[in-house]
Amino acid sequence: MGRVDDRTLEALRDGKLAATQVREVREHLGRCAECRRRALALASEAKRMLDLEPRYPVMARQIERWIVERSGEARQ
């Protein structure tokens, strides 16, 4: 197996690969430091997004309020 593309690494992370693909990719990651580094970076990015998720509703309300306030100013 050559270099593993990001789409495949994301599918591995998300549990969307067939068992044979999982085995092949994991074997490759055991031998290839570059792909292993990219896989870890993708996993880290996903974790950061999950850690931020609880903030999204607050941010969405703040953005919505800002838009409403600005649209009111535009009508005046």
N, C-alpha and C. Protein backbone atom coordinates (compact mmCIF):
# COMPACT_ATOMS: atom_id res chain seq x y z
N MET A 1 0.85 -1.17 0.00
CA MET A 1 0.00 0.00 0.00
C MET A 1 0.89 1.23 0.00
N GLY A 2 0.58 2.19 -0.87
CA GLY A 2 1.31 3.44 -0.91
C GLY A 2 0.76 4.42 0.11
N ARG A 3 1.06 5.67 -0.09
CA ARG A 3 0.58 6.72 0.81
C ARG A 3 -0.94 6.65 0.96
N VAL A 4 -1.41 6.79 2.19
CA VAL A 4 -2.85 6.76 2.47
C VAL A 4 -3.38 8.19 2.37
N ASP A 5 -4.43 8.38 1.56
CA ASP A 5 -4.97 9.74 1.40
C ASP A 5 -5.80 10.15 2.61
N ASP A 6 -6.03 11.45 2.73
CA ASP A 6 -6.75 11.99 3.89
C ASP A 6 -8.17 11.44 3.99
N ARG A 7 -8.80 11.23 2.86
CA ARG A 7 -10.17 10.70 2.88
C ARG A 7 -10.22 9.32 3.54
N THR A 8 -9.23 8.50 3.23
CA THR A 8 -9.17 7.17 3.82
C THR A 8 -8.87 7.26 5.31
N LEU A 9 -7.96 8.16 5.67
CA LEU A 9 -7.65 8.35 7.09
C LEU A 9 -8.86 8.84 7.86
N GLU A 10 -9.63 9.74 7.26
CA GLU A 10 -10.85 10.23 7.91
C GLU A 10 -11.87 9.11 8.05
N ALA A 11 -11.98 8.27 7.02
CA ALA A 11 -12.91 7.14 7.08
C ALA A 11 -12.48 6.16 8.17
N LEU A 12 -11.18 5.94 8.32
CA LEU A 12 -10.68 5.09 9.39
C LEU A 12 -11.05 5.69 10.74
N ARG A 13 -10.79 6.96 10.91
CA ARG A 13 -11.10 7.66 12.16
C ARG A 13 -12.59 7.57 12.49
N ASP A 14 -13.42 7.68 11.46
CA ASP A 14 -14.87 7.72 11.66
C ASP A 14 -15.51 6.32 11.68
N GLY A 15 -14.69 5.27 11.55
CA GLY A 15 -15.21 3.91 11.57
C GLY A 15 -15.99 3.52 10.34
N LYS A 16 -15.63 4.08 9.18
CA LYS A 16 -16.39 3.85 7.96
C LYS A 16 -15.68 2.94 6.95
N LEU A 17 -14.62 2.28 7.37
CA LEU A 17 -13.92 1.36 6.49
C LEU A 17 -14.32 -0.08 6.78
N ALA A 18 -14.26 -0.90 5.75
CA ALA A 18 -14.49 -2.33 5.93
C ALA A 18 -13.32 -2.92 6.71
N ALA A 19 -13.56 -4.05 7.35
CA ALA A 19 -12.55 -4.68 8.20
C ALA A 19 -11.23 -4.91 7.46
N THR A 20 -11.30 -5.35 6.21
CA THR A 20 -10.06 -5.60 5.47
C THR A 20 -9.31 -4.29 5.22
N GLN A 21 -10.04 -3.22 4.93
CA GLN A 21 -9.40 -1.92 4.72
C GLN A 21 -8.76 -1.41 6.01
N VAL A 22 -9.46 -1.60 7.12
CA VAL A 22 -8.93 -1.18 8.43
C VAL A 22 -7.60 -1.88 8.67
N ARG A 23 -7.57 -3.18 8.44
CA ARG A 23 -6.35 -3.95 8.66
C ARG A 23 -5.21 -3.45 7.77
N GLU A 24 -5.51 -3.21 6.49
CA GLU A 24 -4.48 -2.74 5.55
C GLU A 24 -3.95 -1.36 5.95
N VAL A 25 -4.85 -0.46 6.30
CA VAL A 25 -4.44 0.90 6.66
C VAL A 25 -3.64 0.87 7.96
N ARG A 26 -4.09 0.11 8.94
CA ARG A 26 -3.36 0.03 10.22
C ARG A 26 -1.97 -0.56 10.02
N GLU A 27 -1.86 -1.58 9.17
CA GLU A 27 -0.55 -2.16 8.88
C GLU A 27 0.36 -1.11 8.24
N HIS A 28 -0.20 -0.35 7.31
CA HIS A 28 0.57 0.70 6.66
C HIS A 28 1.01 1.76 7.67
N LEU A 29 0.10 2.17 8.53
CA LEU A 29 0.44 3.18 9.53
C LEU A 29 1.54 2.69 10.47
N GLY A 30 1.60 1.39 10.69
CA GLY A 30 2.66 0.83 11.52
C GLY A 30 4.03 0.96 10.88
N ARG A 31 4.06 1.07 9.55
CA ARG A 31 5.33 1.17 8.82
C ARG A 31 5.66 2.57 8.35
N CYS A 32 4.66 3.43 8.21
CA CYS A 32 4.86 4.74 7.56
C CYS A 32 4.67 5.88 8.56
N ALA A 33 5.77 6.49 8.95
CA ALA A 33 5.72 7.57 9.94
C ALA A 33 4.94 8.78 9.41
N GLU A 34 5.06 9.09 8.14
CA GLU A 34 4.37 10.26 7.57
C GLU A 34 2.85 10.09 7.63
N CYS A 35 2.36 8.94 7.19
CA CYS A 35 0.91 8.70 7.24
C CYS A 35 0.42 8.62 8.68
N ARG A 36 1.22 8.04 9.56
CA ARG A 36 0.86 7.96 10.98
C ARG A 36 0.75 9.36 11.57
N ARG A 37 1.68 10.25 11.21
CA ARG A 37 1.64 11.63 11.68
C ARG A 37 0.37 12.32 11.19
N ARG A 38 0.02 12.12 9.92
CA ARG A 38 -1.19 12.74 9.36
C ARG A 38 -2.44 12.18 10.03
N ALA A 39 -2.46 10.87 10.29
CA ALA A 39 -3.61 10.25 10.96
C ALA A 39 -3.79 10.83 12.36
N LEU A 40 -2.68 11.01 13.08
CA LEU A 40 -2.76 11.60 14.41
C LEU A 40 -3.22 13.05 14.35
N ALA A 41 -2.77 13.79 13.35
CA ALA A 41 -3.20 15.19 13.19
C ALA A 41 -4.70 15.27 12.92
N LEU A 42 -5.21 14.37 12.07
CA LEU A 42 -6.66 14.35 11.79
C LEU A 42 -7.46 14.00 13.04
N ALA A 43 -6.96 13.05 13.81
CA ALA A 43 -7.65 12.67 15.05
C ALA A 43 -7.64 13.82 16.05
N SER A 44 -6.52 14.52 16.13
CA SER A 44 -6.39 15.66 17.04
C SER A 44 -7.34 16.78 16.63
N GLU A 45 -7.43 17.02 15.32
CA GLU A 45 -8.34 18.05 14.81
C GLU A 45 -9.79 17.70 15.16
N ALA A 46 -10.15 16.45 15.00
CA ALA A 46 -11.52 16.02 15.32
C ALA A 46 -11.80 16.20 16.81
N LYS A 47 -10.83 15.89 17.65
CA LYS A 47 -11.01 16.06 19.09
C LYS A 47 -11.20 17.53 19.43
N ARG A 48 -10.42 18.41 18.81
CA ARG A 48 -10.59 19.85 19.06
C ARG A 48 -11.98 20.30 18.67
N MET A 49 -12.49 19.81 17.55
CA MET A 49 -13.83 20.19 17.12
C MET A 49 -14.88 19.70 18.12
N LEU A 50 -14.71 18.49 18.62
CA LEU A 50 -15.65 17.97 19.61
C LEU A 50 -15.58 18.77 20.90
N ASP A 51 -14.38 19.18 21.28
CA ASP A 51 -14.22 19.98 22.49
C ASP A 51 -14.90 21.34 22.35
N LEU A 52 -14.96 21.87 21.13
CA LEU A 52 -15.58 23.17 20.89
C LEU A 52 -17.10 23.08 20.73
N GLU A 53 -17.60 21.90 20.42
CA GLU A 53 -19.01 21.73 20.10
C GLU A 53 -19.96 22.36 21.11
N PRO A 54 -19.74 22.22 22.42
CA PRO A 54 -20.68 22.83 23.36
C PRO A 54 -20.75 24.36 23.22
N ARG A 55 -19.72 24.97 22.66
CA ARG A 55 -19.73 26.43 22.51
C ARG A 55 -20.54 26.88 21.30
N TYR A 56 -20.76 25.98 20.33
CA TYR A 56 -21.45 26.38 19.12
C TYR A 56 -22.82 27.00 19.35
N PRO A 57 -23.68 26.42 20.21
CA PRO A 57 -25.00 27.04 20.40
C PRO A 57 -24.88 28.47 20.92
N VAL A 58 -23.95 28.72 21.82
CA VAL A 58 -23.76 30.08 22.35
C VAL A 58 -23.29 30.99 21.23
N MET A 59 -22.31 30.52 20.46
CA MET A 59 -21.81 31.34 19.36
C MET A 59 -22.90 31.61 18.34
N ALA A 60 -23.72 30.59 18.06
CA ALA A 60 -24.80 30.76 17.08
C ALA A 60 -25.78 31.82 17.56
N ARG A 61 -26.13 31.80 18.85
CA ARG A 61 -27.05 32.81 19.39
C ARG A 61 -26.43 34.20 19.31
N GLN A 62 -25.13 34.31 19.61
CA GLN A 62 -24.46 35.60 19.54
C GLN A 62 -24.44 36.13 18.11
N ILE A 63 -24.15 35.26 17.17
CA ILE A 63 -24.13 35.67 15.76
C ILE A 63 -25.52 36.07 15.31
N GLU A 64 -26.52 35.27 15.70
CA GLU A 64 -27.90 35.58 15.32
C GLU A 64 -28.32 36.94 15.89
N ARG A 65 -27.99 37.19 17.14
CA ARG A 65 -28.32 38.47 17.77
C ARG A 65 -27.63 39.63 17.03
N TRP A 66 -26.36 39.43 16.68
CA TRP A 66 -25.61 40.45 15.96
C TRP A 66 -26.27 40.76 14.61
N ILE A 67 -26.71 39.70 13.90
CA ILE A 67 -27.36 39.90 12.60
C ILE A 67 -28.66 40.67 12.77
N VAL A 68 -29.45 40.29 13.77
CA VAL A 68 -30.72 40.98 14.03
C VAL A 68 -30.47 42.43 14.36
N GLU A 69 -29.49 42.69 15.21
CA GLU A 69 -29.18 44.09 15.57
C GLU A 69 -28.75 44.88 14.34
N ARG A 70 -27.90 44.29 13.51
CA ARG A 70 -27.43 44.99 12.31
C ARG A 70 -28.54 45.21 11.31
N SER A 71 -29.44 44.24 11.19
CA SER A 71 -30.54 44.41 10.22
C SER A 71 -31.48 45.51 10.70
N GLY A 72 -31.65 45.65 12.02
CA GLY A 72 -32.45 46.75 12.56
C GLY A 72 -31.81 48.08 12.28
N GLU A 73 -30.49 48.16 12.39
CA GLU A 73 -29.77 49.42 12.11
C GLU A 73 -29.89 49.78 10.65
N ALA A 74 -29.91 48.77 9.78
CA ALA A 74 -29.98 49.03 8.34
C ALA A 74 -31.34 49.60 7.96
N ARG A 75 -32.39 49.24 8.70
CA ARG A 75 -33.74 49.72 8.37
C ARG A 75 -33.95 51.15 8.84
N GLN A 76 -33.17 51.61 9.80
CA GLN A 76 -33.40 52.95 10.38
C GLN A 76 -32.94 54.06 9.47
